[in-house]
Protein backbone atom coordinates (compact mmCIF):
# COMPACT_ATOMS: atom_id res chain seq x y z
CA UNK A 1 -8.22 24.92 14.22
CA UNK A 2 -10.08 21.65 14.53
CA UNK A 3 -13.66 22.71 13.75
CA UNK A 4 -12.51 22.29 10.13
CA UNK A 5 -13.09 18.58 10.61
CA UNK A 6 -16.80 18.73 9.91
CA UNK A 7 -19.89 17.79 11.88
CA UNK A 8 -19.44 19.22 15.33
CA UNK A 9 -21.42 18.69 18.50
CA UNK A 10 -20.70 19.95 21.99
CA UNK A 11 -21.76 18.53 25.33
CA UNK A 12 -23.39 21.35 27.30
CA UNK A 13 -25.49 21.85 30.35
CA UNK A 14 -28.87 23.52 30.04
CA UNK A 15 -27.54 25.47 27.06
CA UNK A 16 -30.36 24.68 24.71
CA UNK A 17 -30.06 21.45 22.80
CA UNK A 18 -33.32 20.14 24.18
CA UNK A 19 -36.00 19.30 21.67
CA UNK A 20 -38.59 21.08 23.83
CA UNK A 21 -38.38 24.13 21.58
CA UNK A 22 -39.60 22.16 18.60
CA UNK A 23 -38.04 21.29 15.28
CA UNK A 24 -37.97 22.96 11.88
CA UNK A 25 -40.19 21.09 9.47
CA UNK A 26 -38.75 20.40 6.03
CA UNK A 27 -40.72 22.87 3.92
CA UNK A 28 -41.21 22.37 0.21
CA UNK A 29 -38.81 24.77 -1.45
CA UNK A 30 -40.25 27.35 -3.79
CA UNK A 31 -38.45 27.28 -7.13
CA UNK A 32 -35.80 30.00 -7.42
CA UNK A 33 -36.73 32.75 -9.87
CA UNK A 34 -34.41 33.87 -12.63
CA UNK A 35 -31.54 35.96 -11.24
CA UNK A 36 -32.46 35.28 -7.63
CA UNK A 37 -29.35 34.57 -5.63
CA UNK A 38 -28.30 33.29 -2.22
CA UNK A 39 -26.72 35.79 0.16
CA UNK A 40 -25.13 35.52 3.60
CA UNK A 41 -26.75 37.95 6.02
CA UNK A 42 -24.66 39.75 8.63
CA UNK A 43 -24.04 38.03 11.95
CA UNK A 44 -26.80 39.92 13.79
CA UNK A 45 -29.68 38.41 11.76
CA UNK A 46 -31.72 35.66 13.44
CA UNK A 47 -34.13 35.30 10.50
CA UNK A 48 -34.16 36.27 6.85
CA UNK A 49 -35.40 39.84 6.17
CA UNK A 50 -38.75 40.54 4.55
CA UNK A 51 -38.73 39.56 0.91
CA UNK A 52 -36.14 36.84 1.36
CA UNK A 53 -36.46 33.23 2.45
CA UNK A 54 -34.13 30.78 4.09
CA UNK A 55 -32.85 27.56 2.58
CA UNK A 56 -34.41 24.19 3.33
CA UNK A 57 -32.19 21.44 4.64
CA UNK A 58 -31.98 19.93 1.15
CA UNK A 59 -30.89 23.28 -0.32
CA UNK A 60 -28.58 24.31 2.50
CA UNK A 61 -25.16 23.15 1.31
CA UNK A 62 -25.62 24.38 -2.27
CA UNK A 63 -27.09 27.70 -1.04
CA UNK A 64 -24.22 28.36 1.33
CA UNK A 65 -21.64 27.45 -1.30
CA UNK A 66 -23.19 29.88 -3.78
CA UNK A 67 -23.44 32.69 -1.24
CA UNK A 68 -19.98 32.07 0.22
CA UNK A 69 -18.39 32.05 -3.22
CA UNK A 70 -19.48 35.66 -3.69
CA UNK A 71 -17.34 36.64 -0.72
CA UNK A 72 -14.45 34.30 -1.50
CA UNK A 73 -15.21 32.08 1.50
CA UNK A 74 -14.41 28.39 1.91
CA UNK A 75 -17.09 25.79 2.69
CA UNK A 76 -16.03 22.42 4.11
CA UNK A 77 -19.33 20.57 4.07
CA UNK A 78 -22.63 20.51 5.95
CA UNK A 79 -23.40 19.72 9.57
CA UNK A 80 -26.83 19.28 11.17
CA UNK A 81 -27.46 20.50 14.71
CA UNK A 82 -30.36 20.81 17.15
CA UNK A 83 -29.43 23.92 19.16
CA UNK A 84 -31.96 26.05 21.04
CA UNK A 85 -32.33 29.73 21.89
CA UNK A 86 -29.32 29.83 24.22
CA UNK A 87 -26.97 28.72 21.46
CA UNK A 88 -24.96 30.62 18.83
CA UNK A 89 -26.66 28.95 15.83
CA UNK A 90 -29.78 30.52 14.27
CA UNK A 91 -32.64 28.32 13.14
CA UNK A 92 -32.39 26.98 9.62
CA UNK A 93 -29.49 27.23 7.19
CA UNK A 94 -26.41 29.33 7.95
CA UNK A 95 -22.68 29.59 7.33
CA UNK A 96 -20.26 29.29 10.24
CA UNK A 97 -17.33 31.67 9.83
CA UNK A 98 -15.66 29.75 12.66
CA UNK A 99 -15.78 26.20 11.24
CA UNK A 100 -16.14 27.23 7.56
CA UNK A 101 -19.11 24.87 7.17
CA UNK A 102 -22.76 25.09 6.19
CA UNK A 103 -24.94 24.44 9.26
CA UNK A 104 -28.59 23.46 9.38
CA UNK A 105 -30.20 23.94 12.80
CA UNK A 106 -33.41 21.87 13.02
CA UNK A 107 -34.46 23.55 16.28
CA UNK A 108 -37.17 26.12 15.50
CA UNK A 109 -36.19 28.28 18.49
CA UNK A 110 -32.74 28.78 17.04
CA UNK A 111 -29.85 30.61 18.65
CA UNK A 112 -30.46 34.11 19.98
CA UNK A 113 -26.87 34.64 21.06
CA UNK A 114 -24.68 36.55 18.62
CA UNK A 115 -22.09 34.22 17.10
CA UNK A 116 -20.12 33.58 13.96
CA UNK A 117 -23.04 32.14 11.93
CA UNK A 118 -24.55 34.03 8.98
CA UNK A 119 -27.95 33.01 7.62
CA UNK A 120 -28.21 31.99 3.97
CA UNK A 121 -31.18 33.78 2.41
CA UNK A 122 -32.57 33.82 -1.13
CA UNK A 123 -32.68 37.43 -2.32
CA UNK A 124 -34.73 38.86 -5.21
CA UNK A 125 -32.93 40.10 -8.33
CA UNK A 126 -32.79 43.73 -7.22
CA UNK A 127 -30.73 42.98 -4.10
CA UNK A 128 -27.00 43.56 -4.67
CA UNK A 129 -24.83 40.70 -3.37
CA UNK A 130 -22.74 41.49 -0.29
CA UNK A 131 -19.25 42.75 -0.97
CA UNK A 132 -20.31 44.47 -4.21
CA UNK A 133 -20.45 48.04 -2.89
CA UNK A 134 -18.52 50.51 -5.02
CA UNK A 135 -18.47 53.28 -2.46
CA UNK A 136 -16.11 51.64 0.03
CA UNK A 137 -12.58 53.10 -0.08
CA UNK A 138 -10.43 50.70 -2.10
CA UNK A 139 -7.51 52.67 -3.53
CA UNK A 140 -4.77 53.67 -1.11
CA UNK A 141 -1.69 55.81 -1.67
CA UNK A 142 1.79 54.48 -1.08
CA UNK A 143 1.98 56.40 2.21
CA UNK A 144 2.22 53.85 5.02
CA UNK A 145 0.10 54.34 8.14
CA UNK A 146 -0.45 52.03 11.09
CA UNK A 147 -2.93 51.42 13.88
CA UNK A 148 -0.93 50.20 16.88
CA UNK A 149 -2.97 47.77 18.98
CA UNK A 150 -0.14 46.14 20.92
CA UNK A 151 -1.48 46.99 24.36
CA UNK A 152 -4.70 44.99 23.96
CA UNK A 153 -3.65 41.85 25.93
CA UNK A 154 -2.59 44.02 28.88
CA UNK A 155 -5.94 45.83 28.77
CA UNK A 156 -7.88 42.61 28.18
CA UNK A 157 -8.63 40.19 31.01
CA UNK A 158 -5.45 38.44 29.83
CA UNK A 159 -4.65 36.13 26.93
CA UNK A 160 -7.66 34.60 25.19
CA UNK A 161 -8.44 31.69 22.87
CA UNK A 162 -7.76 31.48 19.15
CA UNK A 163 -11.41 31.87 18.11
CA UNK A 164 -11.78 34.99 20.22
CA UNK A 165 -8.70 36.51 18.59
CA UNK A 166 -9.70 35.48 15.06
CA UNK A 167 -12.98 37.35 15.54
CA UNK A 168 -11.17 40.39 16.91
CA UNK A 169 -8.37 40.42 14.33
CA UNK A 170 -10.89 40.39 11.50
CA UNK A 171 -12.55 43.54 12.84
CA UNK A 172 -9.23 45.29 13.45
CA UNK A 173 -8.02 44.34 9.98
CA UNK A 174 -11.15 45.75 8.36
CA UNK A 175 -10.82 49.02 10.27
CA UNK A 176 -7.18 49.32 9.21
CA UNK A 177 -8.04 48.63 5.57
CA UNK A 178 -10.85 51.20 5.73
CA UNK A 179 -8.29 53.83 6.77
CA UNK A 180 -5.62 52.62 4.31
CA UNK A 181 -3.43 51.44 7.17
CA UNK A 182 -1.91 48.31 8.65
CA UNK A 183 -2.89 47.00 12.08
CA UNK A 184 0.04 46.19 14.36
CA UNK A 185 -1.38 43.52 16.62
CA UNK A 186 -0.13 41.57 19.63
CA UNK A 187 1.90 38.50 18.79
CA UNK A 188 0.37 35.06 19.43
CA UNK A 189 2.79 34.70 22.35
CA UNK A 190 1.19 37.71 24.04
CA UNK A 191 -2.36 37.10 22.89
CA UNK A 192 -3.08 33.37 23.16
CA UNK A 193 -3.81 31.72 26.47
CA UNK A 194 -1.84 28.60 27.51
CA UNK A 195 -5.10 27.19 28.87
CA UNK A 196 -6.10 26.19 25.32
CA UNK A 197 -2.67 24.78 24.51
CA UNK A 198 -2.07 22.10 27.14
CA UNK A 199 -0.59 24.73 29.45
CA UNK A 200 2.21 25.66 27.03
CA UNK A 201 2.87 29.20 25.84
CA UNK A 202 3.32 29.95 22.15
CA UNK A 203 6.90 30.80 21.24
CA UNK A 204 7.84 34.49 20.99
CA UNK A 205 8.78 34.29 17.31
CA UNK A 206 5.65 32.47 16.10
CA UNK A 207 3.66 34.67 13.66
CA UNK A 208 -0.11 34.71 13.29
CA UNK A 209 0.32 33.24 9.83
CA UNK A 210 1.02 29.88 11.44
CA UNK A 211 -2.64 29.76 12.49
CA UNK A 212 -4.59 32.46 10.64
CA UNK A 213 -4.42 34.49 7.45
CA UNK A 214 -6.32 37.60 6.42
CA UNK A 215 -7.70 37.03 2.93
CA UNK A 216 -8.39 40.41 1.38
CA UNK A 217 -11.60 40.89 -0.58
CA UNK A 218 -11.13 41.16 -4.32
CA UNK A 219 -10.75 44.77 -5.38
CA UNK A 220 -8.86 46.02 -2.32
CA UNK A 221 -5.65 47.38 -3.78
CA UNK A 222 -3.23 47.30 -0.85
CA UNK A 223 -0.62 44.57 -1.36
CA UNK A 224 0.93 44.68 2.11
CA UNK A 225 -0.52 42.69 5.05
CA UNK A 226 -3.46 44.15 6.89
CA UNK A 227 -2.11 43.05 10.24
CA UNK A 228 1.43 42.14 11.18
CA UNK A 229 3.28 40.55 14.08
CA UNK A 230 5.29 39.40 16.01
CA UNK A 231 7.18 41.93 18.12
CA UNK A 232 10.34 41.86 16.01
CA UNK A 233 8.40 43.18 13.02
CA UNK A 234 6.34 45.84 14.81
CA UNK A 235 9.24 48.14 15.57
CA UNK A 236 10.40 47.92 11.96
CA UNK A 237 6.95 48.89 10.72
CA UNK A 238 6.76 51.87 13.08
CA UNK A 239 10.24 52.92 11.99
CA UNK A 240 9.17 52.79 8.34
CA UNK A 241 6.26 55.13 9.04
CA UNK A 242 8.22 57.62 11.13
CA UNK A 243 11.40 57.75 9.06
CA UNK A 244 10.03 57.82 5.53
CA UNK A 245 11.10 60.97 3.69
CA UNK A 246 8.55 63.76 3.70
CA UNK A 247 6.39 65.23 6.41
CA UNK A 248 6.33 63.59 9.82
CA UNK A 249 3.30 61.34 10.35
CA UNK A 250 0.34 62.47 12.39
CA UNK A 251 0.59 60.70 15.74
CA UNK A 252 -2.53 60.12 17.84
CA UNK A 253 -3.08 58.14 21.03
CA UNK A 254 -6.52 57.03 22.24
CA UNK A 255 -6.85 56.29 25.97
CA UNK A 256 -10.66 56.22 26.11
CA UNK A 257 -13.61 55.30 23.93
CA UNK A 258 -14.28 59.01 23.43
CA UNK A 259 -10.72 59.42 22.13
CA UNK A 260 -11.28 56.58 19.65
CA UNK A 261 -14.40 58.19 18.22
CA UNK A 262 -12.93 61.68 17.93
CA UNK A 263 -9.64 60.49 16.48
CA UNK A 264 -11.39 58.24 13.96
CA UNK A 265 -13.23 61.32 12.66
CA UNK A 266 -9.92 63.14 12.34
CA UNK A 267 -8.31 60.27 10.42
CA UNK A 268 -11.36 59.67 8.20
CA UNK A 269 -11.05 63.28 6.99
CA UNK A 270 -7.35 62.86 6.17
CA UNK A 271 -6.74 63.16 2.43
CA UNK A 272 -2.96 62.73 2.39
CA UNK A 273 -0.02 61.94 4.62
CA UNK A 274 0.75 59.17 7.06
CA UNK A 275 -0.40 58.50 10.60
CA UNK A 276 0.39 56.36 13.63
CA UNK A 277 -2.73 55.74 15.70
CA UNK A 278 -2.11 54.03 19.04
CA UNK A 279 -5.25 52.65 20.69
CA UNK A 280 -4.84 51.87 24.39
CA UNK A 281 -8.45 50.73 24.82
CA UNK A 282 -9.85 47.20 24.81
CA UNK A 283 -11.28 46.32 21.41
CA UNK A 284 -14.52 45.03 22.92
CA UNK A 285 -14.99 48.44 24.62
CA UNK A 286 -14.70 50.60 21.49
CA UNK A 287 -15.88 48.28 18.69
CA UNK A 288 -19.63 48.80 19.10
CA UNK A 289 -19.50 52.56 19.92
CA UNK A 290 -17.31 53.17 16.88
CA UNK A 291 -19.60 51.15 14.61
CA UNK A 292 -22.62 53.11 15.85
CA UNK A 293 -20.70 56.38 15.49
CA UNK A 294 -19.77 55.66 11.88
CA UNK A 295 -23.32 54.54 11.05
CA UNK A 296 -24.79 57.68 12.62
CA UNK A 297 -22.56 59.81 10.39
CA UNK A 298 -24.14 58.26 7.31
CA UNK A 299 -20.87 56.70 6.15
CA UNK A 300 -20.57 53.09 5.00
CA UNK A 301 -19.55 50.88 7.86
CA UNK A 302 -16.40 48.73 7.81
CA UNK A 303 -16.92 45.20 9.10
CA UNK A 304 -15.85 45.95 12.68
CA UNK A 305 -17.15 42.79 14.40
CA UNK A 306 -17.96 44.87 17.51
CA UNK A 307 -19.02 42.01 19.79
CA UNK A 308 -17.50 38.81 21.02
CA UNK A 309 -19.06 35.70 19.46
CA UNK A 310 -20.76 34.67 22.72
CA UNK A 311 -22.38 37.99 23.63
CA UNK A 312 -26.14 38.15 23.15
CA UNK A 313 -26.29 41.54 21.42
CA UNK A 314 -26.96 42.73 17.91
CA UNK A 315 -24.33 44.19 15.63
CA UNK A 316 -24.55 47.88 14.73
CA UNK A 317 -26.50 46.96 11.60
CA UNK A 318 -26.49 48.48 8.15
CA UNK A 319 -24.41 47.97 5.06
CA UNK A 320 -20.77 47.05 5.57
CA UNK A 321 -17.55 47.59 3.68
CA UNK A 322 -15.97 44.15 3.64
CA UNK A 323 -12.21 44.24 3.16
CA UNK A 324 -11.51 40.63 4.02
CA UNK A 325 -11.96 37.72 6.38
CA UNK A 326 -9.76 35.68 8.65
CA UNK A 327 -9.25 32.10 7.49
CA UNK A 328 -7.34 29.12 8.79
CA UNK A 329 -3.79 29.07 7.45
CA UNK A 330 -2.47 26.59 4.86
CA UNK A 331 -0.47 25.02 7.67
CA UNK A 332 -3.64 24.33 9.61
CA UNK A 333 -5.23 22.75 6.55
CA UNK A 334 -2.16 20.53 6.16
CA UNK A 335 -2.50 19.42 9.79
CA UNK A 336 -6.19 18.63 9.20
CA UNK A 337 -5.34 16.55 6.13
CA UNK A 338 -2.68 14.65 8.11
CA UNK A 339 -5.16 14.04 10.93
CA UNK A 340 -7.79 12.70 8.55
CA UNK A 341 -5.23 10.34 7.01
CA UNK A 342 -4.16 9.16 10.47
CA UNK A 343 -7.70 8.09 11.45
CA UNK A 344 -8.48 6.57 8.06
CA UNK A 345 -10.90 9.22 6.79
CA UNK A 346 -10.78 10.20 3.13
CA UNK A 347 -12.37 13.63 3.69
CA UNK A 348 -13.67 15.91 6.43
CA UNK A 349 -17.22 14.95 5.48
CA UNK A 350 -16.49 11.46 6.85
CA UNK A 351 -15.82 12.76 10.37
CA UNK A 352 -18.12 13.83 13.20
CA UNK A 353 -16.51 15.57 16.16
CA UNK A 354 -17.62 15.76 19.77
CA UNK A 355 -16.09 18.49 21.95
CA UNK A 356 -16.50 17.97 25.69
CA UNK A 357 -15.31 21.06 27.57
CA UNK A 358 -14.77 20.43 31.26
CA UNK A 359 -11.88 22.49 32.62
CA UNK A 360 -13.76 25.77 33.16
CA UNK A 361 -17.36 24.55 32.99
CA UNK A 362 -17.66 21.90 35.71
CA UNK A 363 -19.50 24.33 38.01
CA UNK A 364 -22.30 24.91 35.49
CA UNK A 365 -22.36 22.01 33.03
CA UNK A 366 -23.06 18.33 33.59
CA UNK A 367 -20.49 16.53 31.44
CA UNK A 368 -20.69 13.15 33.13
CA UNK A 369 -20.60 10.15 30.81
CA UNK A 370 -24.40 9.58 31.04
CA UNK A 371 -25.01 13.30 30.32
CA UNK A 372 -22.81 13.19 27.22
CA UNK A 373 -24.66 10.14 25.89
CA UNK A 374 -28.00 11.83 26.60
CA UNK A 375 -26.84 14.91 24.69
CA UNK A 376 -25.88 12.82 21.66
CA UNK A 377 -29.25 11.05 21.71
CA UNK A 378 -31.02 14.42 21.83
CA UNK A 379 -28.90 16.24 19.27
CA UNK A 380 -28.76 13.46 16.70
CA UNK A 381 -32.16 11.92 16.00
CA UNK A 382 -32.45 8.25 15.17
CA UNK A 383 -32.28 7.48 11.48
CA UNK A 384 -30.08 10.45 10.61
CA UNK A 385 -27.20 9.55 8.30
CA UNK A 386 -23.95 10.44 10.05
CA UNK A 387 -20.26 10.37 9.11
CA UNK A 388 -18.65 6.99 9.82
CA UNK A 389 -15.90 8.30 12.16
CA UNK A 390 -16.43 9.95 15.56
CA UNK A 391 -13.56 11.94 17.09
CA UNK A 392 -13.60 13.07 20.72
CA UNK A 393 -11.85 16.29 21.72
CA UNK A 394 -11.74 17.39 25.34
CA UNK A 395 -9.62 19.36 27.79
CA UNK A 396 -10.10 16.57 30.35
CA UNK A 397 -6.94 14.64 31.25
CA UNK A 398 -8.32 12.27 33.89
CA UNK A 399 -7.52 8.80 32.53
CA UNK A 400 -10.46 7.12 34.26
CA UNK A 401 -13.03 9.57 32.85
CA UNK A 402 -11.53 9.35 29.37
CA UNK A 403 -11.55 5.56 29.41
CA UNK A 404 -15.17 5.44 30.57
CA UNK A 405 -16.34 8.00 28.01
CA UNK A 406 -14.52 6.37 25.08
CA UNK A 407 -15.85 2.95 26.07
CA UNK A 408 -19.40 4.31 26.25
CA UNK A 409 -19.11 6.09 22.89
CA UNK A 410 -17.85 2.90 21.25
CA UNK A 411 -21.03 1.10 22.26
CA UNK A 412 -23.15 3.48 20.19
CA UNK A 413 -24.41 1.60 17.10
CA UNK A 414 -24.09 4.68 14.90
CA UNK A 415 -20.30 4.45 14.84
CA UNK A 416 -19.87 0.73 15.50
CA UNK A 417 -16.83 1.33 17.64
CA UNK A 418 -15.12 3.71 15.19
CA UNK A 419 -14.38 6.31 17.89
CA UNK A 420 -10.98 7.86 18.57
CA UNK A 421 -9.60 10.37 21.06
CA UNK A 422 -8.30 13.18 18.85
CA UNK A 423 -6.24 15.24 21.32
CA UNK A 424 -3.21 12.92 21.62
CA UNK A 425 -3.09 12.47 17.85
CA UNK A 426 -3.08 16.23 17.26
CA UNK A 427 -0.55 16.85 20.04
CA UNK A 428 1.85 14.26 18.65
CA UNK A 429 1.50 15.62 15.13
CA UNK A 430 2.04 19.25 16.10
CA UNK A 431 4.94 18.37 18.42
CA UNK A 432 6.63 16.47 15.59
CA UNK A 433 6.46 19.62 13.43
């Protein structure tokens, strides 16, 4: 939720913020030709393709806003980072689907790990903007079909974090839309780990819409939600499919990746009728094979998101049918606005955030107070204009460490003592609601 706040930096170990890889020099921008346009590449691209160029730092925010507007995406400002090859952020100008911000990475090595960032590239007039394909299935009949994915948490390593699920839900939603179906997904209570929620479990009746919404791409005709939860609604949806007048729905169950591929082919050939497709296979196991299988068939590929954000692998590649993206909910935006008001910031652009993750990284990352200060000095060069407020977020609860870190951060001349610990403010606000 909180990456919406703007400039983000994370204290890491040897994860690649060192300036040893060099920096991107501010090139003189070539003037844009008539009808050239900025596009967001898919998440597997580490550099702009031949015939396209990336945006300079001065162009970055405007370029990302233009490109994102084509896909109906929100942009909450620009942040500047210095992340190396082990990071998720490619060199140059990109759009973060996670934080909904334009990002300019000054490190020439750039991230080689697949993440949620999409490069902004200037395309020549003959390149069709993403999301403009006419061949993707858009019109669906009134027959209701579902893809039942309820078993995923049991087949996963257990509950996961919100970002992990947002990435996964977007791929599942696009597959469902591609097959004119709804995705029945695990409820937040089953899916989200307490480890990212101060040890507390999400209530059983909390819907995904409290945190995330699936914004359908313009032109997709289905009015009903692409994915639904919690448990109380799933049974009703299945009942609607099975008890609607007419022929009984086709019912398929996939218990292996091979089942997923074969049954997808069967459903893709379906021209009428309803189906209930139960997938008892981890999403991360079948996402990439299915994407490759669809691409090999010559069909247009739905935006399956076949890899976790942190895995260093390429997507299946090729043109995608984009049916929508996962965004933060209006409730989350309201919480962000309340947080900004509480710390005296007029807008997200006035806030820099520092996330220090310690709970599950102490065996591989040095997050001591001196190491955090060294990271800031490395990631944020002297003379750079920064937002006036710094907010610390961390999973650390040790009072002594927190006091020492906050005291050290307040000595930094860049923020002149305007440093706050964000976690208690957020916890109090959310608890009050």
